[in-house]
PDB file of N, CA and C in Angstrom:
ATOM      1  N   UNK A   1     -65.938   6.189 -15.130  1.00  0.00           N
ATOM      2  CA  UNK A   1     -64.807   5.260 -15.190  1.00  0.00           C
ATOM      3  C   UNK A   1     -63.820   5.694 -16.279  1.00  0.00           C
ATOM      4  N   UNK A   2     -64.355   6.142 -17.401  1.00  0.00           N
ATOM      5  CA  UNK A   2     -63.481   6.593 -18.486  1.00  0.00           C
ATOM      6  C   UNK A   2     -62.589   7.729 -18.029  1.00  0.00           C
ATOM      7  N   UNK A   3     -63.187   8.651 -17.233  1.00  0.00           N
ATOM      8  CA  UNK A   3     -62.411   9.795 -16.747  1.00  0.00           C
ATOM      9  C   UNK A   3     -61.253   9.329 -15.865  1.00  0.00           C
ATOM     10  N   UNK A   4     -61.562   8.361 -15.004  1.00  0.00           N
ATOM     11  CA  UNK A   4     -60.528   7.849 -14.093  1.00  0.00           C
ATOM     12  C   UNK A   4     -59.396   7.202 -14.884  1.00  0.00           C
ATOM     13  N   UNK A   5     -59.759   6.491 -15.955  1.00  0.00           N
ATOM     14  CA  UNK A   5     -58.736   5.838 -16.784  1.00  0.00           C
ATOM     15  C   UNK A   5     -57.811   6.884 -17.386  1.00  0.00           C
ATOM     16  N   UNK A   6     -58.403   7.963 -17.895  1.00  0.00           N
ATOM     17  CA  UNK A   6     -57.602   9.043 -18.491  1.00  0.00           C
ATOM     18  C   UNK A   6     -56.725   9.674 -17.405  1.00  0.00           C
ATOM     19  N   UNK A   7     -57.311   9.864 -16.209  1.00  0.00           N
ATOM     20  CA  UNK A   7     -56.574  10.489 -15.113  1.00  0.00           C
ATOM     21  C   UNK A   7     -55.362   9.649 -14.735  1.00  0.00           C
ATOM     22  N   UNK A   8     -55.547   8.327 -14.637  1.00  0.00           N
ATOM     23  CA  UNK A   8     -54.437   7.438 -14.267  1.00  0.00           C
ATOM     24  C   UNK A   8     -53.347   7.509 -15.330  1.00  0.00           C
ATOM     25  N   UNK A   9     -53.768   7.628 -16.597  1.00  0.00           N
ATOM     26  CA  UNK A   9     -52.785   7.727 -17.685  1.00  0.00           C
ATOM     27  C   UNK A   9     -51.975   9.014 -17.521  1.00  0.00           C
ATOM     28  N   UNK A  10     -52.667  10.108 -17.183  1.00  0.00           N
ATOM     29  CA  UNK A  10     -51.968  11.377 -16.996  1.00  0.00           C
ATOM     30  C   UNK A  10     -51.039  11.291 -15.789  1.00  0.00           C
ATOM     31  N   UNK A  11     -51.468  10.565 -14.763  1.00  0.00           N
ATOM     32  CA  UNK A  11     -50.633  10.401 -13.572  1.00  0.00           C
ATOM     33  C   UNK A  11     -49.333   9.702 -13.947  1.00  0.00           C
ATOM     34  N   UNK A  12     -49.426   8.661 -14.774  1.00  0.00           N
ATOM     35  CA  UNK A  12     -48.220   7.952 -15.219  1.00  0.00           C
ATOM     36  C   UNK A  12     -47.319   8.901 -15.995  1.00  0.00           C
ATOM     37  N   UNK A  13     -47.922   9.713 -16.870  1.00  0.00           N
ATOM     38  CA  UNK A  13     -47.153  10.677 -17.658  1.00  0.00           C
ATOM     39  C   UNK A  13     -46.452  11.651 -16.723  1.00  0.00           C
ATOM     40  N   UNK A  14     -47.167  12.106 -15.683  1.00  0.00           N
ATOM     41  CA  UNK A  14     -46.614  13.060 -14.730  1.00  0.00           C
ATOM     42  C   UNK A  14     -45.403  12.454 -14.027  1.00  0.00           C
ATOM     43  N   UNK A  15     -45.505  11.191 -13.621  1.00  0.00           N
ATOM     44  CA  UNK A  15     -44.389  10.520 -12.934  1.00  0.00           C
ATOM     45  C   UNK A  15     -43.183  10.454 -13.858  1.00  0.00           C
ATOM     46  N   UNK A  16     -43.405  10.089 -15.119  1.00  0.00           N
ATOM     47  CA  UNK A  16     -42.310  10.025 -16.087  1.00  0.00           C
ATOM     48  C   UNK A  16     -41.678  11.395 -16.268  1.00  0.00           C
ATOM     49  N   UNK A  17     -42.528  12.437 -16.343  1.00  0.00           N
ATOM     50  CA  UNK A  17     -42.046  13.801 -16.537  1.00  0.00           C
ATOM     51  C   UNK A  17     -41.175  14.237 -15.360  1.00  0.00           C
ATOM     52  N   UNK A  18     -41.647  13.966 -14.147  1.00  0.00           N
ATOM     53  CA  UNK A  18     -40.887  14.342 -12.947  1.00  0.00           C
ATOM     54  C   UNK A  18     -39.558  13.587 -12.909  1.00  0.00           C
ATOM     55  N   UNK A  19     -39.588  12.299 -13.249  1.00  0.00           N
ATOM     56  CA  UNK A  19     -38.362  11.499 -13.253  1.00  0.00           C
ATOM     57  C   UNK A  19     -37.371  12.057 -14.268  1.00  0.00           C
ATOM     58  N   UNK A  20     -37.869  12.467 -15.436  1.00  0.00           N
ATOM     59  CA  UNK A  20     -37.005  13.028 -16.474  1.00  0.00           C
ATOM     60  C   UNK A  20     -36.375  14.333 -16.012  1.00  0.00           C
ATOM     61  N   UNK A  21     -37.164  15.182 -15.335  1.00  0.00           N
ATOM     62  CA  UNK A  21     -36.638  16.461 -14.834  1.00  0.00           C
ATOM     63  C   UNK A  21     -35.552  16.190 -13.791  1.00  0.00           C
ATOM     64  N   UNK A  22     -35.816  15.251 -12.881  1.00  0.00           N
ATOM     65  CA  UNK A  22     -34.826  14.918 -11.851  1.00  0.00           C
ATOM     66  C   UNK A  22     -33.542  14.410 -12.498  1.00  0.00           C
ATOM     67  N   UNK A  23     -33.659  13.567 -13.511  1.00  0.00           N
ATOM     68  CA  UNK A  23     -32.491  13.033 -14.215  1.00  0.00           C
ATOM     69  C   UNK A  23     -31.704  14.163 -14.867  1.00  0.00           C
ATOM     70  N   UNK A  24     -32.412  15.102 -15.509  1.00  0.00           N
ATOM     71  CA  UNK A  24     -31.755  16.238 -16.169  1.00  0.00           C
ATOM     72  C   UNK A  24     -31.022  17.093 -15.136  1.00  0.00           C
ATOM     73  N   UNK A  25     -31.652  17.317 -13.990  1.00  0.00           N
ATOM     74  CA  UNK A  25     -31.014  18.123 -12.944  1.00  0.00           C
ATOM     75  C   UNK A  25     -29.752  17.433 -12.433  1.00  0.00           C
ATOM     76  N   UNK A  26     -29.800  16.125 -12.258  1.00  0.00           N
ATOM     77  CA  UNK A  26     -28.628  15.373 -11.783  1.00  0.00           C
ATOM     78  C   UNK A  26     -27.502  15.482 -12.809  1.00  0.00           C
ATOM     79  N   UNK A  27     -27.837  15.337 -14.090  1.00  0.00           N
ATOM     80  CA  UNK A  27     -26.826  15.432 -15.153  1.00  0.00           C
ATOM     81  C   UNK A  27     -26.192  16.817 -15.139  1.00  0.00           C
ATOM     82  N   UNK A  28     -27.022  17.854 -14.984  1.00  0.00           N
ATOM     83  CA  UNK A  28     -26.493  19.226 -14.939  1.00  0.00           C
ATOM     84  C   UNK A  28     -25.582  19.409 -13.728  1.00  0.00           C
ATOM     85  N   UNK A  29     -25.955  18.816 -12.598  1.00  0.00           N
ATOM     86  CA  UNK A  29     -25.154  18.948 -11.385  1.00  0.00           C
ATOM     87  C   UNK A  29     -23.812  18.236 -11.509  1.00  0.00           C
ATOM     88  N   UNK A  30     -23.769  17.137 -12.250  1.00  0.00           N
ATOM     89  CA  UNK A  30     -22.527  16.370 -12.390  1.00  0.00           C
ATOM     90  C   UNK A  30     -21.546  17.036 -13.352  1.00  0.00           C
ATOM     91  N   UNK A  31     -22.049  17.895 -14.212  1.00  0.00           N
ATOM     92  CA  UNK A  31     -21.168  18.515 -15.203  1.00  0.00           C
ATOM     93  C   UNK A  31     -20.112  19.384 -14.544  1.00  0.00           C
TER      94      UNK A  31
END
């Protein structure tokens, strides 16, 4: 169970990371 908890936390981090990359790409495209 502990492993799954850590995994879910990493999944959330991954989603945030992907969202940040997408935002950066959009900003670069608008420039």
